[in-house]
PDB file of N, CA and C in Angstrom:
ATOM      1  N   MET A   1     107.945  85.589  71.690  1.00  0.00           N
ATOM      2  CA  MET A   1     108.616  84.652  71.111  1.00  0.00           C
ATOM      3  C   MET A   1     108.797  85.338  69.588  1.00  0.00           C
ATOM      4  N   THR A   2     107.758  85.948  68.907  1.00  0.00           N
ATOM      5  CA  THR A   2     107.840  86.630  67.749  1.00  0.00           C
ATOM      6  C   THR A   2     108.751  88.008  67.785  1.00  0.00           C
ATOM      7  N   ILE A   3     109.078  88.841  68.858  1.00  0.00           N
ATOM      8  CA  ILE A   3     109.554  89.957  69.194  1.00  0.00           C
ATOM      9  C   ILE A   3     111.100  89.164  69.254  1.00  0.00           C
ATOM     10  N   LEU A   4     111.401  88.290  69.826  1.00  0.00           N
ATOM     11  CA  LEU A   4     112.878  87.788  69.945  1.00  0.00           C
ATOM     12  C   LEU A   4     113.124  87.295  68.538  1.00  0.00           C
ATOM     13  N   LEU A   5     112.500  86.661  67.544  1.00  0.00           N
ATOM     14  CA  LEU A   5     112.824  85.888  66.534  1.00  0.00           C
ATOM     15  C   LEU A   5     113.104  87.459  65.445  1.00  0.00           C
ATOM     16  N   SER A   6     112.227  88.060  65.576  1.00  0.00           N
ATOM     17  CA  SER A   6     112.449  89.484  64.864  1.00  0.00           C
ATOM     18  C   SER A   6     113.722  90.281  65.227  1.00  0.00           C
ATOM     19  N   SER A   7     113.960  90.291  66.373  1.00  0.00           N
ATOM     20  CA  SER A   7     115.286  91.117  66.956  1.00  0.00           C
ATOM     21  C   SER A   7     116.161  90.319  66.341  1.00  0.00           C
ATOM     22  N   ALA A   8     116.105  88.986  66.320  1.00  0.00           N
ATOM     23  CA  ALA A   8     117.430  88.009  65.957  1.00  0.00           C
ATOM     24  C   ALA A   8     117.645  88.412  64.533  1.00  0.00           C
ATOM     25  N   VAL A   9     116.561  88.244  63.790  1.00  0.00           N
ATOM     26  CA  VAL A   9     116.619  88.575  62.247  1.00  0.00           C
ATOM     27  C   VAL A   9     117.287  89.777  61.720  1.00  0.00           C
ATOM     28  N   VAL A  10     116.827  90.934  62.358  1.00  0.00           N
ATOM     29  CA  VAL A  10     117.388  92.134  62.173  1.00  0.00           C
ATOM     30  C   VAL A  10     118.953  92.342  62.736  1.00  0.00           C
ATOM     31  N   PHE A  11     119.159  91.698  63.886  1.00  0.00           N
ATOM     32  CA  PHE A  11     120.467  91.946  64.333  1.00  0.00           C
ATOM     33  C   PHE A  11     121.438  91.206  63.252  1.00  0.00           C
ATOM     34  N   VAL A  12     121.043  90.082  62.953  1.00  0.00           N
ATOM     35  CA  VAL A  12     122.007  89.027  61.678  1.00  0.00           C
ATOM     36  C   VAL A  12     121.653  89.981  60.589  1.00  0.00           C
ATOM     37  N   GLY A  13     120.791  90.420  60.259  1.00  0.00           N
ATOM     38  CA  GLY A  13     120.579  91.234  58.753  1.00  0.00           C
ATOM     39  C   GLY A  13     121.757  92.509  58.676  1.00  0.00           C
ATOM     40  N   VAL A  14     121.510  93.021  60.012  1.00  0.00           N
ATOM     41  CA  VAL A  14     122.561  94.101  60.101  1.00  0.00           C
ATOM     42  C   VAL A  14     123.906  93.955  60.060  1.00  0.00           C
ATOM     43  N   GLY A  15     124.248  92.933  60.706  1.00  0.00           N
ATOM     44  CA  GLY A  15     125.529  92.331  60.827  1.00  0.00           C
ATOM     45  C   GLY A  15     126.149  91.967  59.294  1.00  0.00           C
ATOM     46  N   TRP A  16     125.235  91.439  58.553  1.00  0.00           N
ATOM     47  CA  TRP A  16     125.636  90.770  57.369  1.00  0.00           C
ATOM     48  C   TRP A  16     125.988  92.314  56.377  1.00  0.00           C
ATOM     49  N   LEU A  17     124.880  93.268  56.450  1.00  0.00           N
ATOM     50  CA  LEU A  17     125.028  94.497  55.772  1.00  0.00           C
ATOM     51  C   LEU A  17     126.611  95.122  56.137  1.00  0.00           C
ATOM     52  N   ILE A  18     126.807  94.946  57.472  1.00  0.00           N
ATOM     53  CA  ILE A  18     128.085  95.789  57.903  1.00  0.00           C
ATOM     54  C   ILE A  18     129.348  95.178  57.476  1.00  0.00           C
ATOM     55  N   VAL A  19     129.094  93.569  57.347  1.00  0.00           N
ATOM     56  CA  VAL A  19     130.372  92.670  56.812  1.00  0.00           C
ATOM     57  C   VAL A  19     130.544  93.121  55.466  1.00  0.00           C
ATOM     58  N   HIS A  20     129.407  93.142  54.568  1.00  0.00           N
ATOM     59  CA  HIS A  20     129.706  93.285  53.158  1.00  0.00           C
ATOM     60  C   HIS A  20     129.576  94.733  52.586  1.00  0.00           C
ATOM     61  N   ALA A  21     129.601  95.638  53.471  1.00  0.00           N
ATOM     62  CA  ALA A  21     129.578  97.139  53.054  1.00  0.00           C
ATOM     63  C   ALA A  21     130.938  97.482  52.714  1.00  0.00           C
ATOM     64  N   GLY A  22     131.125  98.485  52.107  1.00  0.00           N
ATOM     65  CA  GLY A  22     132.340  99.126  51.477  1.00  0.00           C
ATOM     66  C   GLY A  22     132.907 100.332  52.731  1.00  0.00           C
ATOM     67  N   GLU A  23     133.964 100.710  52.440  1.00  0.00           N
ATOM     68  CA  GLU A  23     134.265 101.736  53.114  1.00  0.00           C
ATOM     69  C   GLU A  23     133.774 103.010  53.184  1.00  0.00           C
ATOM     70  N   GLN A  24     133.205 103.445  52.221  1.00  0.00           N
ATOM     71  CA  GLN A  24     132.188 104.451  52.006  1.00  0.00           C
ATOM     72  C   GLN A  24     131.176 104.613  52.778  1.00  0.00           C
ATOM     73  N   TYR A  25     130.512 103.484  53.452  1.00  0.00           N
ATOM     74  CA  TYR A  25     129.159 103.458  54.520  1.00  0.00           C
ATOM     75  C   TYR A  25     129.882 103.398  55.773  1.00  0.00           C
ATOM     76  N   ALA A  26     130.900 103.676  56.046  1.00  0.00           N
ATOM     77  CA  ALA A  26     131.501 103.748  57.385  1.00  0.00           C
ATOM     78  C   ALA A  26     130.716 104.650  58.561  1.00  0.00           C
ATOM     79  N   ASP A  27     130.614 105.864  58.174  1.00  0.00           N
ATOM     80  CA  ASP A  27     129.879 106.823  58.894  1.00  0.00           C
ATOM     81  C   ASP A  27     128.173 106.402  59.184  1.00  0.00           C
ATOM     82  N   ALA A  28     127.548 105.473  58.236  1.00  0.00           N
ATOM     83  CA  ALA A  28     126.270 105.182  58.358  1.00  0.00           C
ATOM     84  C   ALA A  28     126.143 103.972  59.250  1.00  0.00           C
ATOM     85  N   ILE A  29     127.186 102.979  58.955  1.00  0.00           N
ATOM     86  CA  ILE A  29     127.313 102.044  59.948  1.00  0.00           C
ATOM     87  C   ILE A  29     127.591 102.372  61.156  1.00  0.00           C
ATOM     88  N   ARG A  30     128.418 103.532  61.397  1.00  0.00           N
ATOM     89  CA  ARG A  30     128.505 104.057  62.927  1.00  0.00           C
ATOM     90  C   ARG A  30     127.246 104.244  63.561  1.00  0.00           C
ATOM     91  N   HIS A  31     126.692 105.094  62.924  1.00  0.00           N
ATOM     92  CA  HIS A  31     125.275 105.829  63.169  1.00  0.00           C
ATOM     93  C   HIS A  31     124.300 104.630  63.380  1.00  0.00           C
ATOM     94  N   THR A  32     124.001 103.429  62.522  1.00  0.00           N
ATOM     95  CA  THR A  32     123.131 102.597  62.776  1.00  0.00           C
ATOM     96  C   THR A  32     123.623 101.586  64.092  1.00  0.00           C
ATOM     97  N   LEU A  33     124.814 101.612  64.345  1.00  0.00           N
ATOM     98  CA  LEU A  33     125.306 100.736  65.332  1.00  0.00           C
ATOM     99  C   LEU A  33     124.903 101.512  66.814  1.00  0.00           C
ATOM    100  N   SER A  34     125.046 103.036  66.716  1.00  0.00           N
ATOM    101  CA  SER A  34     124.887 103.864  67.853  1.00  0.00           C
ATOM    102  C   SER A  34     123.166 103.700  68.348  1.00  0.00           C
ATOM    103  N   VAL A  35     122.317 103.473  67.300  1.00  0.00           N
ATOM    104  CA  VAL A  35     121.028 103.636  67.394  1.00  0.00           C
ATOM    105  C   VAL A  35     120.699 102.564  67.852  1.00  0.00           C
ATOM    106  N   PHE A  36     121.245 101.295  67.576  1.00  0.00           N
ATOM    107  CA  PHE A  36     121.112  99.918  68.071  1.00  0.00           C
ATOM    108  C   PHE A  36     121.481  99.801  69.636  1.00  0.00           C
ATOM    109  N   VAL A  37     122.575 100.363  69.661  1.00  0.00           N
ATOM    110  CA  VAL A  37     123.162 100.529  71.494  1.00  0.00           C
ATOM    111  C   VAL A  37     122.201 101.266  72.226  1.00  0.00           C
ATOM    112  N   LEU A  38     121.738 102.407  71.738  1.00  0.00           N
ATOM    113  CA  LEU A  38     120.988 103.078  72.572  1.00  0.00           C
ATOM    114  C   LEU A  38     119.530 102.417  72.696  1.00  0.00           C
ATOM    115  N   MET A  39     119.032 101.861  71.745  1.00  0.00           N
ATOM    116  CA  MET A  39     117.668 101.086  71.892  1.00  0.00           C
ATOM    117  C   MET A  39     118.068 100.121  73.174  1.00  0.00           C
ATOM    118  N   LEU A  40     118.958  99.159  72.902  1.00  0.00           N
ATOM    119  CA  LEU A  40     119.236  98.038  73.563  1.00  0.00           C
ATOM    120  C   LEU A  40     119.500  98.259  75.024  1.00  0.00           C
ATOM    121  N   GLY A  41     120.134  99.724  75.347  1.00  0.00           N
ATOM    122  CA  GLY A  41     120.524 100.290  76.548  1.00  0.00           C
ATOM    123  C   GLY A  41     119.067 100.645  76.969  1.00  0.00           C
ATOM    124  N   MET A  42     117.916 101.561  76.406  1.00  0.00           N
ATOM    125  CA  MET A  42     116.731 101.675  76.857  1.00  0.00           C
ATOM    126  C   MET A  42     115.988 100.588  77.551  1.00  0.00           C
ATOM    127  N   LEU A  43     115.900  99.524  76.623  1.00  0.00           N
ATOM    128  CA  LEU A  43     115.324  98.183  76.813  1.00  0.00           C
ATOM    129  C   LEU A  43     115.657  97.604  77.935  1.00  0.00           C
ATOM    130  N   ALA A  44     117.134  97.459  78.197  1.00  0.00           N
ATOM    131  CA  ALA A  44     117.861  97.259  79.671  1.00  0.00           C
ATOM    132  C   ALA A  44     117.435  97.649  80.667  1.00  0.00           C
ATOM    133  N   LEU A  45     117.224  99.334  80.473  1.00  0.00           N
ATOM    134  CA  LEU A  45     117.213  99.935  81.865  1.00  0.00           C
ATOM    135  C   LEU A  45     115.545 100.074  82.092  1.00  0.00           C
ATOM    136  N   ILE A  46     114.587  99.762  81.183  1.00  0.00           N
ATOM    137  CA  ILE A  46     113.052  99.396  81.390  1.00  0.00           C
ATOM    138  C   ILE A  46     113.059  98.346  81.935  1.00  0.00           C
ATOM    139  N   GLY A  47     113.669  97.284  81.719  1.00  0.00           N
ATOM    140  CA  GLY A  47     113.683  95.922  82.388  1.00  0.00           C
ATOM    141  C   GLY A  47     114.116  95.930  83.865  1.00  0.00           C
ATOM    142  N   VAL A  48     115.447  96.809  83.856  1.00  0.00           N
ATOM    143  CA  VAL A  48     115.736  96.850  85.449  1.00  0.00           C
ATOM    144  C   VAL A  48     114.796  97.538  86.192  1.00  0.00           C
ATOM    145  N   ILE A  49     114.065  98.651  85.727  1.00  0.00           N
ATOM    146  CA  ILE A  49     113.297  99.418  86.535  1.00  0.00           C
ATOM    147  C   ILE A  49     112.033  98.723  86.720  1.00  0.00           C
ATOM    148  N   ALA A  50     111.328  97.780  85.848  1.00  0.00           N
ATOM    149  CA  ALA A  50     110.428  97.002  86.123  1.00  0.00           C
ATOM    150  C   ALA A  50     110.558  95.706  87.060  1.00  0.00           C
ATOM    151  N   GLU A  51     111.772  95.437  87.020  1.00  0.00           N
ATOM    152  CA  GLU A  51     112.166  94.232  88.134  1.00  0.00           C
ATOM    153  C   GLU A  51     112.465  94.777  89.604  1.00  0.00           C
ATOM    154  N   LEU A  52     112.817  96.140  89.772  1.00  0.00           N
ATOM    155  CA  LEU A  52     112.928  97.014  90.993  1.00  0.00           C
ATOM    156  C   LEU A  52     111.413  97.187  91.261  1.00  0.00           C
ATOM    157  N   ARG A  53     110.679  97.835  90.531  1.00  0.00           N
ATOM    158  CA  ARG A  53     109.173  97.881  91.106  1.00  0.00           C
ATOM    159  C   ARG A  53     108.506  96.677  91.416  1.00  0.00           C
ATOM    160  N   VAL A  54     108.768  95.346  90.813  1.00  0.00           N
ATOM    161  CA  VAL A  54     108.017  94.379  91.147  1.00  0.00           C
ATOM    162  C   VAL A  54     108.702  93.727  92.497  1.00  0.00           C
ATOM    163  N   GLY A  55     110.188  94.111  92.806  1.00  0.00           N
ATOM    164  CA  GLY A  55     110.771  93.579  93.938  1.00  0.00           C
ATOM    165  C   GLY A  55     110.331  94.371  95.280  1.00  0.00           C
ATOM    166  N   MET A  56     109.879  95.632  95.026  1.00  0.00           N
ATOM    167  CA  MET A  56     109.745  96.414  96.097  1.00  0.00           C
ATOM    168  C   MET A  56     108.185  96.551  96.320  1.00  0.00           C
ATOM    169  N   GLY A  57     107.400  95.732  95.471  1.00  0.00           N
ATOM    170  CA  GLY A  57     105.936  95.717  95.468  1.00  0.00           C
ATOM    171  C   GLY A  57     105.287  96.755  95.161  1.00  0.00           C
ATOM    172  N   VAL A  58     105.905  97.633  94.317  1.00  0.00           N
ATOM    173  CA  VAL A  58     105.372  98.929  93.803  1.00  0.00           C
ATOM    174  C   VAL A  58     104.479  98.381  92.606  1.00  0.00           C
ATOM    175  N   ASP A  59     103.122  98.139  92.397  1.00  0.00           N
ATOM    176  CA  ASP A  59     102.533  97.912  91.495  1.00  0.00           C
ATOM    177  C   ASP A  59     100.881  98.636  91.385  1.00  0.00           C
ATOM    178  N   ARG A  60     100.458  98.138  90.480  1.00  0.00           N
ATOM    179  CA  ARG A  60      98.634  98.795  90.479  1.00  0.00           C
ATOM    180  C   ARG A  60      98.036  98.454  91.355  1.00  0.00           C
ATOM    181  N   MET A  61      98.009  97.186  91.961  1.00  0.00           N
ATOM    182  CA  MET A  61      97.113  96.540  92.991  1.00  0.00           C
ATOM    183  C   MET A  61      97.217  97.362  94.330  1.00  0.00           C
ATOM    184  N   SER A  62      98.692  97.595  94.721  1.00  0.00           N
ATOM    185  CA  SER A  62      98.798  98.332  96.025  1.00  0.00           C
ATOM    186  C   SER A  62      98.243  99.747  95.848  1.00  0.00           C
ATOM    187  N   HIS A  63      98.022 100.342  94.813  1.00  0.00           N
ATOM    188  CA  HIS A  63      97.659 101.768  94.938  1.00  0.00           C
ATOM    189  C   HIS A  63      95.832 101.244  95.018  1.00  0.00           C
ATOM    190  N   ARG A  64      95.254 100.279  94.421  1.00  0.00           N
ATOM    191  CA  ARG A  64      94.088 100.099  94.645  1.00  0.00           C
ATOM    192  C   ARG A  64      93.591  99.887  96.053  1.00  0.00           C
ATOM    193  N   ILE A  65      94.522  98.876  96.740  1.00  0.00           N
ATOM    194  CA  ILE A  65      93.963  98.663  98.009  1.00  0.00           C
ATOM    195  C   ILE A  65      94.095 100.035  98.883  1.00  0.00           C
ATOM    196  N   GLU A  66      95.253 100.845  98.613  1.00  0.00           N
ATOM    197  CA  GLU A  66      95.384 102.064  99.301  1.00  0.00           C
ATOM    198  C   GLU A  66      93.948 102.735  99.131  1.00  0.00           C
ATOM    199  N   ALA A  67      93.566 103.104  97.904  1.00  0.00           N
ATOM    200  CA  ALA A  67      92.588 103.941  97.764  1.00  0.00           C
ATOM    201  C   ALA A  67      91.208 103.260  98.067  1.00  0.00           C
ATOM    202  N   ARG A  68      91.166 102.232  98.176  1.00  0.00           N
ATOM    203  CA  ARG A  68      89.868 101.321  98.863  1.00  0.00           C
ATOM    204  C   ARG A  68      89.877 101.799 100.546  1.00  0.00           C
ATOM    205  N   SER A  69      91.125 101.893 101.176  1.00  0.00           N
ATOM    206  CA  SER A  69      91.323 101.560 102.567  1.00  0.00           C
ATOM    207  C   SER A  69      90.948 103.160 102.957  1.00  0.00           C
ATOM    208  N   GLN A  70      91.324 104.206 102.101  1.00  0.00           N
ATOM    209  CA  GLN A  70      90.920 105.482 102.637  1.00  0.00           C
ATOM    210  C   GLN A  70      89.561 105.710 102.267  1.00  0.00           C
ATOM    211  N   VAL A  71      88.758 105.041 101.363  1.00  0.00           N
ATOM    212  CA  VAL A  71      87.244 105.096 101.276  1.00  0.00           C
ATOM    213  C   VAL A  71      86.730 104.467 102.605  1.00  0.00           C
ATOM    214  N   ASP A  72      87.172 103.337 103.275  1.00  0.00           N
ATOM    215  CA  ASP A  72      86.966 102.777 104.247  1.00  0.00           C
ATOM    216  C   ASP A  72      87.043 103.468 105.497  1.00  0.00           C
ATOM    217  N   ALA A  73      87.951 104.391 105.452  1.00  0.00           N
ATOM    218  CA  ALA A  73      88.233 104.980 106.685  1.00  0.00           C
ATOM    219  C   ALA A  73      87.403 106.325 106.986  1.00  0.00           C
ATOM    220  N   ALA A  74      86.711 106.741 106.029  1.00  0.00           N
ATOM    221  CA  ALA A  74      85.665 107.624 106.031  1.00  0.00           C
ATOM    222  C   ALA A  74      84.262 107.385 106.632  1.00  0.00           C
ATOM    223  N   SER A  75      84.408 105.898 106.986  1.00  0.00           N
ATOM    224  CA  SER A  75      82.907 105.739 107.614  1.00  0.00           C
ATOM    225  C   SER A  75      82.754 106.170 108.711  1.00  0.00           C
ATOM    226  N   PRO A  76      81.539 106.535 109.462  1.00  0.00           N
ATOM    227  CA  PRO A  76      81.044 106.994 110.641  1.00  0.00           C
ATOM    228  C   PRO A  76      81.796 106.449 111.635  1.00  0.00           C
ATOM    229  N   ALA A  77      82.159 106.820 112.899  1.00  0.00           N
ATOM    230  CA  ALA A  77      82.624 106.291 113.866  1.00  0.00           C
ATOM    231  C   ALA A  77      81.477 105.382 114.659  1.00  0.00           C
ATOM    232  N   ARG A  78      81.892 104.090 115.648  1.00  0.00           N
ATOM    233  CA  ARG A  78      80.905 103.888 116.228  1.00  0.00           C
ATOM    234  C   ARG A  78      80.772 104.505 117.767  1.00  0.00           C
ATOM    235  N   PHE A  79      79.506 104.610 118.303  1.00  0.00           N
ATOM    236  CA  PHE A  79      79.288 105.091 119.484  1.00  0.00           C
ATOM    237  C   PHE A  79      79.331 103.923 120.709  1.00  0.00           C
ATOM    238  N   VAL A  80      80.305 104.347 121.679  1.00  0.00           N
ATOM    239  CA  VAL A  80      80.417 103.234 122.818  1.00  0.00           C
ATOM    240  C   VAL A  80      79.372 103.657 123.829  1.00  0.00           C
ATOM    241  N   ARG A  81      78.449 102.836 124.347  1.00  0.00           N
ATOM    242  CA  ARG A  81      77.474 103.156 125.330  1.00  0.00           C
ATOM    243  C   ARG A  81      78.281 102.976 126.640  1.00  0.00           C
ATOM    244  N   LYS A  82      78.037 103.875 127.436  1.00  0.00           N
ATOM    245  CA  LYS A  82      78.705 103.679 128.931  1.00  0.00           C
ATOM    246  C   LYS A  82      77.821 102.658 130.004  1.00  0.00           C
ATOM    247  N   LEU A  83      78.127 101.881 130.341  1.00  0.00           N
ATOM    248  CA  LEU A  83      77.532 100.921 131.201  1.00  0.00           C
ATOM    249  C   LEU A  83      76.945 101.491 132.516  1.00  0.00           C
ATOM    250  N   ASP A  84      77.928 102.212 133.109  1.00  0.00           N
ATOM    251  CA  ASP A  84      77.261 102.807 134.384  1.00  0.00           C
ATOM    252  C   ASP A  84      77.349 104.336 134.360  1.00  0.00           C
ATOM    253  N   ALA A  85      76.483 104.780 133.372  1.00  0.00           N
ATOM    254  CA  ALA A  85      76.169 106.244 133.123  1.00  0.00           C
ATOM    255  C   ALA A  85      75.245 106.595 134.088  1.00  0.00           C
ATOM    256  N   GLY A  86      75.747 107.530 135.080  1.00  0.00           N
ATOM    257  CA  GLY A  86      74.966 108.203 136.145  1.00  0.00           C
ATOM    258  C   GLY A  86      74.580 107.212 137.488  1.00  0.00           C
ATOM    259  N   LEU A  87      75.126 105.909 137.215  1.00  0.00           N
ATOM    260  CA  LEU A  87      74.716 104.944 138.742  1.00  0.00           C
ATOM    261  C   LEU A  87      75.578 105.243 139.559  1.00  0.00           C
ATOM    262  N   ASN A  88      77.032 105.659 139.504  1.00  0.00           N
ATOM    263  CA  ASN A  88      77.774 105.584 140.544  1.00  0.00           C
ATOM    264  C   ASN A  88      78.078 107.083 140.935  1.00  0.00           C
ATOM    265  N   PRO A  89      77.752 107.528 142.103  1.00  0.00           N
ATOM    266  CA  PRO A  89      78.092 109.046 142.639  1.00  0.00           C
ATOM    267  C   PRO A  89      79.385 109.470 142.651  1.00  0.00           C
TER     268      PRO A  89
END
């Protein structure tokens, strides 16, 4: 909640500065807006990738289960005893 509130305050503050800035600050405003757009784009990309990972079931727990199952697979095999060993000619 604090991050959203801080983002809104920064967004409104930058908007106020842009509205009240003179013509000599046009380049600075353009660069500032470019940085904000790049940051928002990266946040959106991170969110989309996180949702795709969750949707496909790729997360830390699946790796832990896989590692545990590999350890269990290395256990010694059971011996099977034949019931009719040597009794039938």
